[in-house]
Amino acid sequence: MKFAPVIFLGFAILLGVVLFQVKYRVSALELEYATLQRNIHDGQESIKVLQAEWSYLSEPQRLQKLSEKFLSLKPMQSGQVVDLAEVMRVVEEENIVQAVLKGNVVVTEEPDGS
């Protein structure tokens, strides 16, 4: 029975130390939580600002003015539209000319049979 008060006192001190450590750990976690919440809020505000900037920068009227000022684009004319077959014919002709110029293809004339 002599050791019972010493054991209870040691147990109380141990619980006090553990409680103290838990308290400081909780305080540190609350500070970290508050910091994360502030960072999230700042990020959301940044996203809102960037969305507003994007809305302004991508306005069709603004883009139209800039394209007229800096680009030499004009509306497409109906004569500029061609069939895919025409495009392929031009590409094939260009490829043949390129090959002949590089010397990869030798052009021979067909005999007339005479």
PDB file of N, CA and C in Angstrom:
ATOM      1  N   MET A   1       0.791  -1.193   0.000  1.00  0.00           N
ATOM      2  CA  MET A   1       0.000   0.000   0.000  1.00  0.00           C
ATOM      3  C   MET A   1       0.839   1.265   0.000  1.00  0.00           C
ATOM      4  N   LYS A   2       2.108   1.161   0.314  1.00  0.00           N
ATOM      5  CA  LYS A   2       2.958   2.345   0.341  1.00  0.00           C
ATOM      6  C   LYS A   2       3.226   2.858  -1.078  1.00  0.00           C
ATOM      7  N   PHE A   3       3.229   1.941  -2.021  1.00  0.00           N
ATOM      8  CA  PHE A   3       3.564   2.341  -3.383  1.00  0.00           C
ATOM      9  C   PHE A   3       2.363   2.864  -4.161  1.00  0.00           C
ATOM     10  N   ALA A   4       1.179   2.667  -3.691  1.00  0.00           N
ATOM     11  CA  ALA A   4      -0.023   3.083  -4.427  1.00  0.00           C
ATOM     12  C   ALA A   4      -0.052   4.589  -4.674  1.00  0.00           C
ATOM     13  N   PRO A   5       0.204   5.445  -3.669  1.00  0.00           N
ATOM     14  CA  PRO A   5       0.194   6.899  -3.957  1.00  0.00           C
ATOM     15  C   PRO A   5       1.292   7.295  -4.944  1.00  0.00           C
ATOM     16  N   VAL A   6       2.441   6.647  -4.893  1.00  0.00           N
ATOM     17  CA  VAL A   6       3.539   6.963  -5.808  1.00  0.00           C
ATOM     18  C   VAL A   6       3.154   6.557  -7.229  1.00  0.00           C
ATOM     19  N   ILE A   7       2.528   5.411  -7.364  1.00  0.00           N
ATOM     20  CA  ILE A   7       2.092   4.943  -8.683  1.00  0.00           C
ATOM     21  C   ILE A   7       1.040   5.894  -9.249  1.00  0.00           C
ATOM     22  N   PHE A   8       0.056   6.292  -8.403  1.00  0.00           N
ATOM     23  CA  PHE A   8      -0.982   7.221  -8.867  1.00  0.00           C
ATOM     24  C   PHE A   8      -0.392   8.584  -9.224  1.00  0.00           C
ATOM     25  N   LEU A   9       0.593   9.043  -8.420  1.00  0.00           N
ATOM     26  CA  LEU A   9       1.247  10.313  -8.705  1.00  0.00           C
ATOM     27  C   LEU A   9       2.008  10.219 -10.035  1.00  0.00           C
ATOM     28  N   GLY A  10       2.722   9.137 -10.270  1.00  0.00           N
ATOM     29  CA  GLY A  10       3.448   8.929 -11.525  1.00  0.00           C
ATOM     30  C   GLY A  10       2.489   8.846 -12.696  1.00  0.00           C
ATOM     31  N   PHE A  11       1.382   8.159 -12.484  1.00  0.00           N
ATOM     32  CA  PHE A  11       0.365   8.057 -13.538  1.00  0.00           C
ATOM     33  C   PHE A  11      -0.237   9.423 -13.847  1.00  0.00           C
ATOM     34  N   ALA A  12      -0.484  10.232 -12.814  1.00  0.00           N
ATOM     35  CA  ALA A  12      -1.042  11.574 -13.008  1.00  0.00           C
ATOM     36  C   ALA A  12      -0.048  12.461 -13.754  1.00  0.00           C
ATOM     37  N   ILE A  13       1.243  12.347 -13.395  1.00  0.00           N
ATOM     38  CA  ILE A  13       2.258  13.138 -14.089  1.00  0.00           C
ATOM     39  C   ILE A  13       2.356  12.709 -15.549  1.00  0.00           C
ATOM     40  N   LEU A  14       2.329  11.418 -15.787  1.00  0.00           N
ATOM     41  CA  LEU A  14       2.371  10.893 -17.148  1.00  0.00           C
ATOM     42  C   LEU A  14       1.173  11.380 -17.960  1.00  0.00           C
ATOM     43  N   LEU A  15      -0.009  11.336 -17.382  1.00  0.00           N
ATOM     44  CA  LEU A  15      -1.205  11.838 -18.067  1.00  0.00           C
ATOM     45  C   LEU A  15      -1.101  13.329 -18.330  1.00  0.00           C
ATOM     46  N   GLY A  16      -0.546  14.075 -17.388  1.00  0.00           N
ATOM     47  CA  GLY A  16      -0.366  15.511 -17.573  1.00  0.00           C
ATOM     48  C   GLY A  16       0.567  15.804 -18.740  1.00  0.00           C
ATOM     49  N   VAL A  17       1.682  15.049 -18.818  1.00  0.00           N
ATOM     50  CA  VAL A  17       2.636  15.234 -19.917  1.00  0.00           C
ATOM     51  C   VAL A  17       1.988  14.882 -21.250  1.00  0.00           C
ATOM     52  N   VAL A  18       1.276  13.775 -21.299  1.00  0.00           N
ATOM     53  CA  VAL A  18       0.597  13.363 -22.527  1.00  0.00           C
ATOM     54  C   VAL A  18      -0.444  14.399 -22.925  1.00  0.00           C
ATOM     55  N   LEU A  19      -1.219  14.877 -21.973  1.00  0.00           N
ATOM     56  CA  LEU A  19      -2.240  15.895 -22.248  1.00  0.00           C
ATOM     57  C   LEU A  19      -1.596  17.177 -22.773  1.00  0.00           C
ATOM     58  N   PHE A  20      -0.479  17.568 -22.185  1.00  0.00           N
ATOM     59  CA  PHE A  20       0.253  18.748 -22.615  1.00  0.00           C
ATOM     60  C   PHE A  20       0.727  18.589 -24.062  1.00  0.00           C
ATOM     61  N   GLN A  21       1.282  17.422 -24.401  1.00  0.00           N
ATOM     62  CA  GLN A  21       1.742  17.165 -25.767  1.00  0.00           C
ATOM     63  C   GLN A  21       0.587  17.158 -26.760  1.00  0.00           C
ATOM     64  N   VAL A  22      -0.523  16.561 -26.362  1.00  0.00           N
ATOM     65  CA  VAL A  22      -1.704  16.529 -27.235  1.00  0.00           C
ATOM     66  C   VAL A  22      -2.204  17.943 -27.479  1.00  0.00           C
ATOM     67  N   LYS A  23      -2.203  18.768 -26.417  1.00  0.00           N
ATOM     68  CA  LYS A  23      -2.665  20.144 -26.556  1.00  0.00           C
ATOM     69  C   LYS A  23      -1.802  20.897 -27.562  1.00  0.00           C
ATOM     70  N   TYR A  24      -0.494  20.778 -27.476  1.00  0.00           N
ATOM     71  CA  TYR A  24       0.383  21.473 -28.404  1.00  0.00           C
ATOM     72  C   TYR A  24       0.273  20.908 -29.819  1.00  0.00           C
ATOM     73  N   ARG A  25       0.076  19.627 -29.935  1.00  0.00           N
ATOM     74  CA  ARG A  25      -0.106  19.019 -31.254  1.00  0.00           C
ATOM     75  C   ARG A  25      -1.395  19.529 -31.906  1.00  0.00           C
ATOM     76  N   VAL A  26      -2.464  19.621 -31.123  1.00  0.00           N
ATOM     77  CA  VAL A  26      -3.737  20.143 -31.631  1.00  0.00           C
ATOM     78  C   VAL A  26      -3.576  21.597 -32.041  1.00  0.00           C
ATOM     79  N   SER A  27      -2.857  22.378 -31.252  1.00  0.00           N
ATOM     80  CA  SER A  27      -2.621  23.785 -31.597  1.00  0.00           C
ATOM     81  C   SER A  27      -1.857  23.900 -32.913  1.00  0.00           C
ATOM     82  N   ALA A  28      -0.841  23.046 -33.082  1.00  0.00           N
ATOM     83  CA  ALA A  28      -0.073  23.069 -34.327  1.00  0.00           C
ATOM     84  C   ALA A  28      -0.947  22.674 -35.510  1.00  0.00           C
ATOM     85  N   LEU A  29      -1.804  21.671 -35.329  1.00  0.00           N
ATOM     86  CA  LEU A  29      -2.694  21.240 -36.417  1.00  0.00           C
ATOM     87  C   LEU A  29      -3.728  22.316 -36.739  1.00  0.00           C
ATOM     88  N   GLU A  30      -4.219  23.030 -35.732  1.00  0.00           N
ATOM     89  CA  GLU A  30      -5.172  24.116 -35.981  1.00  0.00           C
ATOM     90  C   GLU A  30      -4.510  25.234 -36.769  1.00  0.00           C
ATOM     91  N   LEU A  31      -3.252  25.538 -36.443  1.00  0.00           N
ATOM     92  CA  LEU A  31      -2.516  26.562 -37.175  1.00  0.00           C
ATOM     93  C   LEU A  31      -2.295  26.122 -38.630  1.00  0.00           C
ATOM     94  N   GLU A  32      -1.943  24.864 -38.816  1.00  0.00           N
ATOM     95  CA  GLU A  32      -1.756  24.336 -40.168  1.00  0.00           C
ATOM     96  C   GLU A  32      -3.069  24.372 -40.943  1.00  0.00           C
ATOM     97  N   TYR A  33      -4.168  24.023 -40.287  1.00  0.00           N
ATOM     98  CA  TYR A  33      -5.490  24.049 -40.918  1.00  0.00           C
ATOM     99  C   TYR A  33      -5.850  25.474 -41.337  1.00  0.00           C
ATOM    100  N   ALA A  34      -5.605  26.442 -40.449  1.00  0.00           N
ATOM    101  CA  ALA A  34      -5.915  27.837 -40.767  1.00  0.00           C
ATOM    102  C   ALA A  34      -5.066  28.308 -41.955  1.00  0.00           C
ATOM    103  N   THR A  35      -3.801  27.900 -41.995  1.00  0.00           N
ATOM    104  CA  THR A  35      -2.923  28.271 -43.099  1.00  0.00           C
ATOM    105  C   THR A  35      -3.429  27.668 -44.412  1.00  0.00           C
ATOM    106  N   LEU A  36      -3.814  26.397 -44.373  1.00  0.00           N
ATOM    107  CA  LEU A  36      -4.345  25.747 -45.578  1.00  0.00           C
ATOM    108  C   LEU A  36      -5.633  26.414 -46.047  1.00  0.00           C
ATOM    109  N   GLN A  37      -6.501  26.761 -45.113  1.00  0.00           N
ATOM    110  CA  GLN A  37      -7.753  27.437 -45.475  1.00  0.00           C
ATOM    111  C   GLN A  37      -7.457  28.781 -46.143  1.00  0.00           C
ATOM    112  N   ARG A  38      -6.480  29.518 -45.599  1.00  0.00           N
ATOM    113  CA  ARG A  38      -6.119  30.812 -46.174  1.00  0.00           C
ATOM    114  C   ARG A  38      -5.535  30.617 -47.579  1.00  0.00           C
ATOM    115  N   ASN A  39      -4.698  29.597 -47.745  1.00  0.00           N
ATOM    116  CA  ASN A  39      -4.131  29.319 -49.068  1.00  0.00           C
ATOM    117  C   ASN A  39      -5.209  28.934 -50.073  1.00  0.00           C
ATOM    118  N   ILE A  40      -6.177  28.130 -49.640  1.00  0.00           N
ATOM    119  CA  ILE A  40      -7.292  27.748 -50.518  1.00  0.00           C
ATOM    120  C   ILE A  40      -8.088  28.981 -50.924  1.00  0.00           C
ATOM    121  N   HIS A  41      -8.374  29.836 -49.972  1.00  0.00           N
ATOM    122  CA  HIS A  41      -9.128  31.059 -50.258  1.00  0.00           C
ATOM    123  C   HIS A  41      -8.360  31.948 -51.229  1.00  0.00           C
ATOM    124  N   ASP A  42      -7.056  32.099 -51.003  1.00  0.00           N
ATOM    125  CA  ASP A  42      -6.237  32.903 -51.913  1.00  0.00           C
ATOM    126  C   ASP A  42      -6.225  32.303 -53.319  1.00  0.00           C
ATOM    127  N   GLY A  43      -6.131  30.969 -53.396  1.00  0.00           N
ATOM    128  CA  GLY A  43      -6.155  30.301 -54.693  1.00  0.00           C
ATOM    129  C   GLY A  43      -7.478  30.516 -55.417  1.00  0.00           C
ATOM    130  N   GLN A  44      -8.572  30.441 -54.678  1.00  0.00           N
ATOM    131  CA  GLN A  44      -9.888  30.660 -55.286  1.00  0.00           C
ATOM    132  C   GLN A  44     -10.022  32.100 -55.784  1.00  0.00           C
ATOM    133  N   GLU A  45      -9.506  33.050 -55.021  1.00  0.00           N
ATOM    134  CA  GLU A  45      -9.544  34.448 -55.454  1.00  0.00           C
ATOM    135  C   GLU A  45      -8.695  34.631 -56.714  1.00  0.00           C
ATOM    136  N   SER A  46      -7.538  33.981 -56.760  1.00  0.00           N
ATOM    137  CA  SER A  46      -6.683  34.068 -57.948  1.00  0.00           C
ATOM    138  C   SER A  46      -7.393  33.484 -59.170  1.00  0.00           C
ATOM    139  N   ILE A  47      -8.092  32.384 -58.963  1.00  0.00           N
ATOM    140  CA  ILE A  47      -8.838  31.769 -60.066  1.00  0.00           C
ATOM    141  C   ILE A  47      -9.914  32.718 -60.571  1.00  0.00           C
ATOM    142  N   LYS A  48     -10.614  33.372 -59.666  1.00  0.00           N
ATOM    143  CA  LYS A  48     -11.650  34.326 -60.084  1.00  0.00           C
ATOM    144  C   LYS A  48     -11.050  35.470 -60.895  1.00  0.00           C
ATOM    145  N   VAL A  49      -9.904  35.981 -60.439  1.00  0.00           N
ATOM    146  CA  VAL A  49      -9.241  37.082 -61.170  1.00  0.00           C
ATOM    147  C   VAL A  49      -8.807  36.604 -62.547  1.00  0.00           C
ATOM    148  N   LEU A  50      -8.220  35.407 -62.616  1.00  0.00           N
ATOM    149  CA  LEU A  50      -7.769  34.881 -63.909  1.00  0.00           C
ATOM    150  C   LEU A  50      -8.942  34.624 -64.854  1.00  0.00           C
ATOM    151  N   GLN A  51     -10.068  34.157 -64.317  1.00  0.00           N
ATOM    152  CA  GLN A  51     -11.243  33.952 -65.159  1.00  0.00           C
ATOM    153  C   GLN A  51     -11.759  35.281 -65.701  1.00  0.00           C
ATOM    154  N   ALA A  52     -11.734  36.317 -64.871  1.00  0.00           N
ATOM    155  CA  ALA A  52     -12.165  37.639 -65.338  1.00  0.00           C
ATOM    156  C   ALA A  52     -11.223  38.151 -66.427  1.00  0.00           C
ATOM    157  N   GLU A  53      -9.916  37.975 -66.223  1.00  0.00           N
ATOM    158  CA  GLU A  53      -8.960  38.391 -67.240  1.00  0.00           C
ATOM    159  C   GLU A  53      -9.164  37.617 -68.536  1.00  0.00           C
ATOM    160  N   TRP A  54      -9.406  36.318 -68.434  1.00  0.00           N
ATOM    161  CA  TRP A  54      -9.619  35.501 -69.627  1.00  0.00           C
ATOM    162  C   TRP A  54     -10.872  35.953 -70.370  1.00  0.00           C
ATOM    163  N   SER A  55     -11.920  36.272 -69.616  1.00  0.00           N
ATOM    164  CA  SER A  55     -13.152  36.749 -70.250  1.00  0.00           C
ATOM    165  C   SER A  55     -12.884  38.029 -71.035  1.00  0.00           C
ATOM    166  N   TYR A  56     -12.106  38.920 -70.439  1.00  0.00           N
ATOM    167  CA  TYR A  56     -11.785  40.170 -71.130  1.00  0.00           C
ATOM    168  C   TYR A  56     -10.918  39.903 -72.363  1.00  0.00           C
ATOM    169  N   LEU A  57      -9.878  39.084 -72.186  1.00  0.00           N
ATOM    170  CA  LEU A  57      -8.936  38.851 -73.281  1.00  0.00           C
ATOM    171  C   LEU A  57      -9.549  38.085 -74.444  1.00  0.00           C
ATOM    172  N   SER A  58     -10.575  37.305 -74.186  1.00  0.00           N
ATOM    173  CA  SER A  58     -11.164  36.497 -75.256  1.00  0.00           C
ATOM    174  C   SER A  58     -12.487  37.063 -75.781  1.00  0.00           C
ATOM    175  N   GLU A  59     -12.754  38.327 -75.514  1.00  0.00           N
ATOM    176  CA  GLU A  59     -13.965  38.942 -76.065  1.00  0.00           C
ATOM    177  C   GLU A  59     -13.864  38.981 -77.591  1.00  0.00           C
ATOM    178  N   PRO A  60     -14.902  38.552 -78.285  1.00  0.00           N
ATOM    179  CA  PRO A  60     -14.845  38.517 -79.753  1.00  0.00           C
ATOM    180  C   PRO A  60     -14.575  39.884 -80.390  1.00  0.00           C
ATOM    181  N   GLN A  61     -15.168  40.961 -79.852  1.00  0.00           N
ATOM    182  CA  GLN A  61     -14.957  42.284 -80.441  1.00  0.00           C
ATOM    183  C   GLN A  61     -13.492  42.702 -80.291  1.00  0.00           C
ATOM    184  N   ARG A  62     -12.908  42.421 -79.129  1.00  0.00           N
ATOM    185  CA  ARG A  62     -11.508  42.763 -78.891  1.00  0.00           C
ATOM    186  C   ARG A  62     -10.600  41.963 -79.822  1.00  0.00           C
ATOM    187  N   LEU A  63     -10.882  40.675 -79.949  1.00  0.00           N
ATOM    188  CA  LEU A  63     -10.078  39.830 -80.831  1.00  0.00           C
ATOM    189  C   LEU A  63     -10.217  40.267 -82.291  1.00  0.00           C
ATOM    190  N   GLN A  64     -11.416  40.701 -82.676  1.00  0.00           N
ATOM    191  CA  GLN A  64     -11.633  41.175 -84.041  1.00  0.00           C
ATOM    192  C   GLN A  64     -10.774  42.407 -84.318  1.00  0.00           C
ATOM    193  N   LYS A  65     -10.757  43.348 -83.370  1.00  0.00           N
ATOM    194  CA  LYS A  65      -9.949  44.563 -83.545  1.00  0.00           C
ATOM    195  C   LYS A  65      -8.462  44.223 -83.635  1.00  0.00           C
ATOM    196  N   LEU A  66      -8.014  43.319 -82.778  1.00  0.00           N
ATOM    197  CA  LEU A  66      -6.602  42.940 -82.789  1.00  0.00           C
ATOM    198  C   LEU A  66      -6.224  42.217 -84.080  1.00  0.00           C
ATOM    199  N   SER A  67      -7.113  41.350 -84.562  1.00  0.00           N
ATOM    200  CA  SER A  67      -6.811  40.639 -85.807  1.00  0.00           C
ATOM    201  C   SER A  67      -6.774  41.603 -86.983  1.00  0.00           C
ATOM    202  N   GLU A  68      -7.650  42.577 -86.985  1.00  0.00           N
ATOM    203  CA  GLU A  68      -7.622  43.574 -88.066  1.00  0.00           C
ATOM    204  C   GLU A  68      -6.359  44.416 -88.000  1.00  0.00           C
ATOM    205  N   LYS A  69      -5.886  44.682 -86.787  1.00  0.00           N
ATOM    206  CA  LYS A  69      -4.710  45.527 -86.612  1.00  0.00           C
ATOM    207  C   LYS A  69      -3.412  44.788 -86.942  1.00  0.00           C
ATOM    208  N   PHE A  70      -3.282  43.537 -86.503  1.00  0.00           N
ATOM    209  CA  PHE A  70      -2.005  42.845 -86.598  1.00  0.00           C
ATOM    210  C   PHE A  70      -1.945  41.742 -87.658  1.00  0.00           C
ATOM    211  N   LEU A  71      -3.064  41.255 -88.102  1.00  0.00           N
ATOM    212  CA  LEU A  71      -3.068  40.169 -89.078  1.00  0.00           C
ATOM    213  C   LEU A  71      -3.617  40.666 -90.408  1.00  0.00           C
ATOM    214  N   SER A  72      -3.140  40.079 -91.464  1.00  0.00           N
ATOM    215  CA  SER A  72      -3.634  40.478 -92.785  1.00  0.00           C
ATOM    216  C   SER A  72      -4.661  39.452 -93.264  1.00  0.00           C
ATOM    217  N   LEU A  73      -5.575  39.113 -92.413  1.00  0.00           N
ATOM    218  CA  LEU A  73      -6.599  38.135 -92.765  1.00  0.00           C
ATOM    219  C   LEU A  73      -7.792  38.838 -93.397  1.00  0.00           C
ATOM    220  N   LYS A  74      -8.343  38.192 -94.389  1.00  0.00           N
ATOM    221  CA  LYS A  74      -9.533  38.718 -95.053  1.00  0.00           C
ATOM    222  C   LYS A  74     -10.566  37.605 -95.101  1.00  0.00           C
ATOM    223  N   PRO A  75     -11.826  37.955 -95.268  1.00  0.00           N
ATOM    224  CA  PRO A  75     -12.845  36.909 -95.370  1.00  0.00           C
ATOM    225  C   PRO A  75     -12.565  35.982 -96.548  1.00  0.00           C
ATOM    226  N   MET A  76     -12.922  34.741 -96.417  1.00  0.00           N
ATOM    227  CA  MET A  76     -12.669  33.748 -97.445  1.00  0.00           C
ATOM    228  C   MET A  76     -13.606  33.972 -98.636  1.00  0.00           C
ATOM    229  N   GLN A  77     -13.052  33.823 -99.829  1.00  0.00           N
ATOM    230  CA  GLN A  77     -13.827  33.978-101.056  1.00  0.00           C
ATOM    231  C   GLN A  77     -14.258  32.596-101.540  1.00  0.00           C
ATOM    232  N   SER A  78     -15.333  32.560-102.287  1.00  0.00           N
ATOM    233  CA  SER A  78     -15.846  31.270-102.758  1.00  0.00           C
ATOM    234  C   SER A  78     -14.880  30.589-103.721  1.00  0.00           C
ATOM    235  N   GLY A  79     -14.060  31.352-104.415  1.00  0.00           N
ATOM    236  CA  GLY A  79     -13.099  30.777-105.341  1.00  0.00           C
ATOM    237  C   GLY A  79     -11.941  30.086-104.640  1.00  0.00           C
ATOM    238  N   GLN A  80     -11.807  30.291-103.353  1.00  0.00           N
ATOM    239  CA  GLN A  80     -10.721  29.658-102.611  1.00  0.00           C
ATOM    240  C   GLN A  80     -11.045  28.233-102.193  1.00  0.00           C
ATOM    241  N   VAL A  81     -12.275  27.822-102.373  1.00  0.00           N
ATOM    242  CA  VAL A  81     -12.687  26.484-101.986  1.00  0.00           C
ATOM    243  C   VAL A  81     -12.479  25.547-103.168  1.00  0.00           C
ATOM    244  N   VAL A  82     -11.745  24.454-102.935  1.00  0.00           N
ATOM    245  CA  VAL A  82     -11.493  23.482-103.992  1.00  0.00           C
ATOM    246  C   VAL A  82     -11.796  22.088-103.470  1.00  0.00           C
ATOM    247  N   ASP A  83     -11.945  21.160-104.406  1.00  0.00           N
ATOM    248  CA  ASP A  83     -12.178  19.765-104.029  1.00  0.00           C
ATOM    249  C   ASP A  83     -10.905  19.166-103.459  1.00  0.00           C
ATOM    250  N   LEU A  84     -11.076  18.131-102.676  1.00  0.00           N
ATOM    251  CA  LEU A  84      -9.931  17.423-102.118  1.00  0.00           C
ATOM    252  C   LEU A  84      -9.107  16.774-103.232  1.00  0.00           C
ATOM    253  N   ALA A  85      -9.772  16.321-104.270  1.00  0.00           N
ATOM    254  CA  ALA A  85      -9.067  15.698-105.395  1.00  0.00           C
ATOM    255  C   ALA A  85      -8.113  16.697-106.044  1.00  0.00           C
ATOM    256  N   GLU A  86      -8.536  17.946-106.153  1.00  0.00           N
ATOM    257  CA  GLU A  86      -7.674  18.989-106.732  1.00  0.00           C
ATOM    258  C   GLU A  86      -6.450  19.228-105.840  1.00  0.00           C
ATOM    259  N   VAL A  87      -6.680  19.247-104.557  1.00  0.00           N
ATOM    260  CA  VAL A  87      -5.560  19.429-103.624  1.00  0.00           C
ATOM    261  C   VAL A  87      -4.592  18.270-103.739  1.00  0.00           C
ATOM    262  N   MET A  88      -5.097  17.055-103.799  1.00  0.00           N
ATOM    263  CA  MET A  88      -4.234  15.875-103.902  1.00  0.00           C
ATOM    264  C   MET A  88      -3.461  15.875-105.220  1.00  0.00           C
ATOM    265  N   ARG A  89      -4.099  16.322-106.314  1.00  0.00           N
ATOM    266  CA  ARG A  89      -3.410  16.393-107.606  1.00  0.00           C
ATOM    267  C   ARG A  89      -2.245  17.360-107.523  1.00  0.00           C
ATOM    268  N   VAL A  90      -2.450  18.509-106.905  1.00  0.00           N
ATOM    269  CA  VAL A  90      -1.376  19.499-106.775  1.00  0.00           C
ATOM    270  C   VAL A  90      -0.267  18.962-105.886  1.00  0.00           C
ATOM    271  N   VAL A  91      -0.632  18.297-104.818  1.00  0.00           N
ATOM    272  CA  VAL A  91       0.373  17.727-103.922  1.00  0.00           C
ATOM    273  C   VAL A  91       1.188  16.671-104.641  1.00  0.00           C
ATOM    274  N   GLU A  92       0.533  15.803-105.403  1.00  0.00           N
ATOM    275  CA  GLU A  92       1.250  14.766-106.143  1.00  0.00           C
ATOM    276  C   GLU A  92       2.184  15.393-107.172  1.00  0.00           C
ATOM    277  N   GLU A  93       1.718  16.425-107.872  1.00  0.00           N
ATOM    278  CA  GLU A  93       2.570  17.098-108.850  1.00  0.00           C
ATOM    279  C   GLU A  93       3.775  17.726-108.171  1.00  0.00           C
ATOM    280  N   GLU A  94       3.556  18.343-107.027  1.00  0.00           N
ATOM    281  CA  GLU A  94       4.661  18.953-106.287  1.00  0.00           C
ATOM    282  C   GLU A  94       5.645  17.891-105.835  1.00  0.00           C
ATOM    283  N   ASN A  95       5.144  16.752-105.366  1.00  0.00           N
ATOM    284  CA  ASN A  95       6.021  15.673-104.921  1.00  0.00           C
ATOM    285  C   ASN A  95       6.837  15.117-106.080  1.00  0.00           C
ATOM    286  N   ILE A  96       6.216  14.989-107.230  1.00  0.00           N
ATOM    287  CA  ILE A  96       6.929  14.478-108.403  1.00  0.00           C
ATOM    288  C   ILE A  96       8.010  15.476-108.818  1.00  0.00           C
ATOM    289  N   VAL A  97       7.672  16.756-108.847  1.00  0.00           N
ATOM    290  CA  VAL A  97       8.646  17.781-109.227  1.00  0.00           C
ATOM    291  C   VAL A  97       9.796  17.791-108.232  1.00  0.00           C
ATOM    292  N   GLN A  98       9.484  17.702-106.949  1.00  0.00           N
ATOM    293  CA  GLN A  98      10.527  17.671-105.923  1.00  0.00           C
ATOM    294  C   GLN A  98      11.429  16.464-106.120  1.00  0.00           C
ATOM    295  N   ALA A  99      10.850  15.319-106.391  1.00  0.00           N
ATOM    296  CA  ALA A  99      11.635  14.099-106.573  1.00  0.00           C
ATOM    297  C   ALA A  99      12.538  14.210-107.795  1.00  0.00           C
ATOM    298  N   VAL A 100      12.022  14.793-108.890  1.00  0.00           N
ATOM    299  CA  VAL A 100      12.828  14.958-110.102  1.00  0.00           C
ATOM    300  C   VAL A 100      13.975  15.922-109.828  1.00  0.00           C
ATOM    301  N   LEU A 101      13.691  17.023-109.140  1.00  0.00           N
ATOM    302  CA  LEU A 101      14.728  18.002-108.851  1.00  0.00           C
ATOM    303  C   LEU A 101      15.814  17.426-107.955  1.00  0.00           C
ATOM    304  N   LYS A 102      15.439  16.546-107.056  1.00  0.00           N
ATOM    305  CA  LYS A 102      16.416  15.922-106.159  1.00  0.00           C
ATOM    306  C   LYS A 102      17.170  14.798-106.862  1.00  0.00           C
ATOM    307  N   GLY A 103      16.699  14.375-107.998  1.00  0.00           N
ATOM    308  CA  GLY A 103      17.347  13.302-108.722  1.00  0.00           C
ATOM    309  C   GLY A 103      16.902  11.928-108.264  1.00  0.00           C
ATOM    310  N   ASN A 104      15.851  11.856-107.471  1.00  0.00           N
ATOM    311  CA  ASN A 104      15.355  10.565-106.998  1.00  0.00           C
ATOM    312  C   ASN A 104      14.536   9.846-108.062  1.00  0.00           C
ATOM    313  N   VAL A 105      14.007  10.601-109.005  1.00  0.00           N
ATOM    314  CA  VAL A 105      13.177  10.004-110.065  1.00  0.00           C
ATOM    315  C   VAL A 105      13.778  10.413-111.402  1.00  0.00           C
ATOM    316  N   VAL A 106      13.925   9.468-112.272  1.00  0.00           N
ATOM    317  CA  VAL A 106      14.427   9.771-113.612  1.00  0.00           C
ATOM    318  C   VAL A 106      13.242   9.713-114.552  1.00  0.00           C
ATOM    319  N   VAL A 107      13.044  10.789-115.285  1.00  0.00           N
ATOM    320  CA  VAL A 107      11.924  10.859-116.218  1.00  0.00           C
ATOM    321  C   VAL A 107      12.409  10.317-117.550  1.00  0.00           C
ATOM    322  N   THR A 108      11.718   9.329-118.033  1.00  0.00           N
ATOM    323  CA  THR A 108      12.047   8.767-119.354  1.00  0.00           C
ATOM    324  C   THR A 108      10.842   8.957-120.254  1.00  0.00           C
ATOM    325  N   GLU A 109      11.118   9.224-121.502  1.00  0.00           N
ATOM    326  CA  GLU A 109      10.033   9.392-122.456  1.00  0.00           C
ATOM    327  C   GLU A 109       9.614   8.019-122.972  1.00  0.00           C
ATOM    328  N   GLU A 110       8.316   7.860-123.123  1.00  0.00           N
ATOM    329  CA  GLU A 110       7.816   6.587-123.624  1.00  0.00           C
ATOM    330  C   GLU A 110       8.114   6.503-125.122  1.00  0.00           C
ATOM    331  N   PRO A 111       8.562   5.327-125.563  1.00  0.00           N
ATOM    332  CA  PRO A 111       8.794   5.184-127.010  1.00  0.00           C
ATOM    333  C   PRO A 111       7.467   5.213-127.768  1.00  0.00           C
ATOM    334  N   ASP A 112       7.499   5.811-128.952  1.00  0.00           N
ATOM    335  CA  ASP A 112       6.294   5.932-129.771  1.00  0.00           C
ATOM    336  C   ASP A 112       5.981   4.638-130.502  1.00  0.00           C
ATOM    337  N   GLY A 113       6.885   3.751-130.465  1.00  0.00           N
ATOM    338  CA  GLY A 113       6.666   2.508-131.183  1.00  0.00           C
ATOM    339  C   GLY A 113       7.142   2.612-132.625  1.00  0.00           C
ATOM    340  N   SER A 114       7.834   3.723-132.976  1.00  0.00           N
ATOM    341  CA  SER A 114       8.299   3.836-134.342  1.00  0.00           C
ATOM    342  C   SER A 114       9.736   3.461-134.476  1.00  0.00           C
TER     343      SER A 114
END
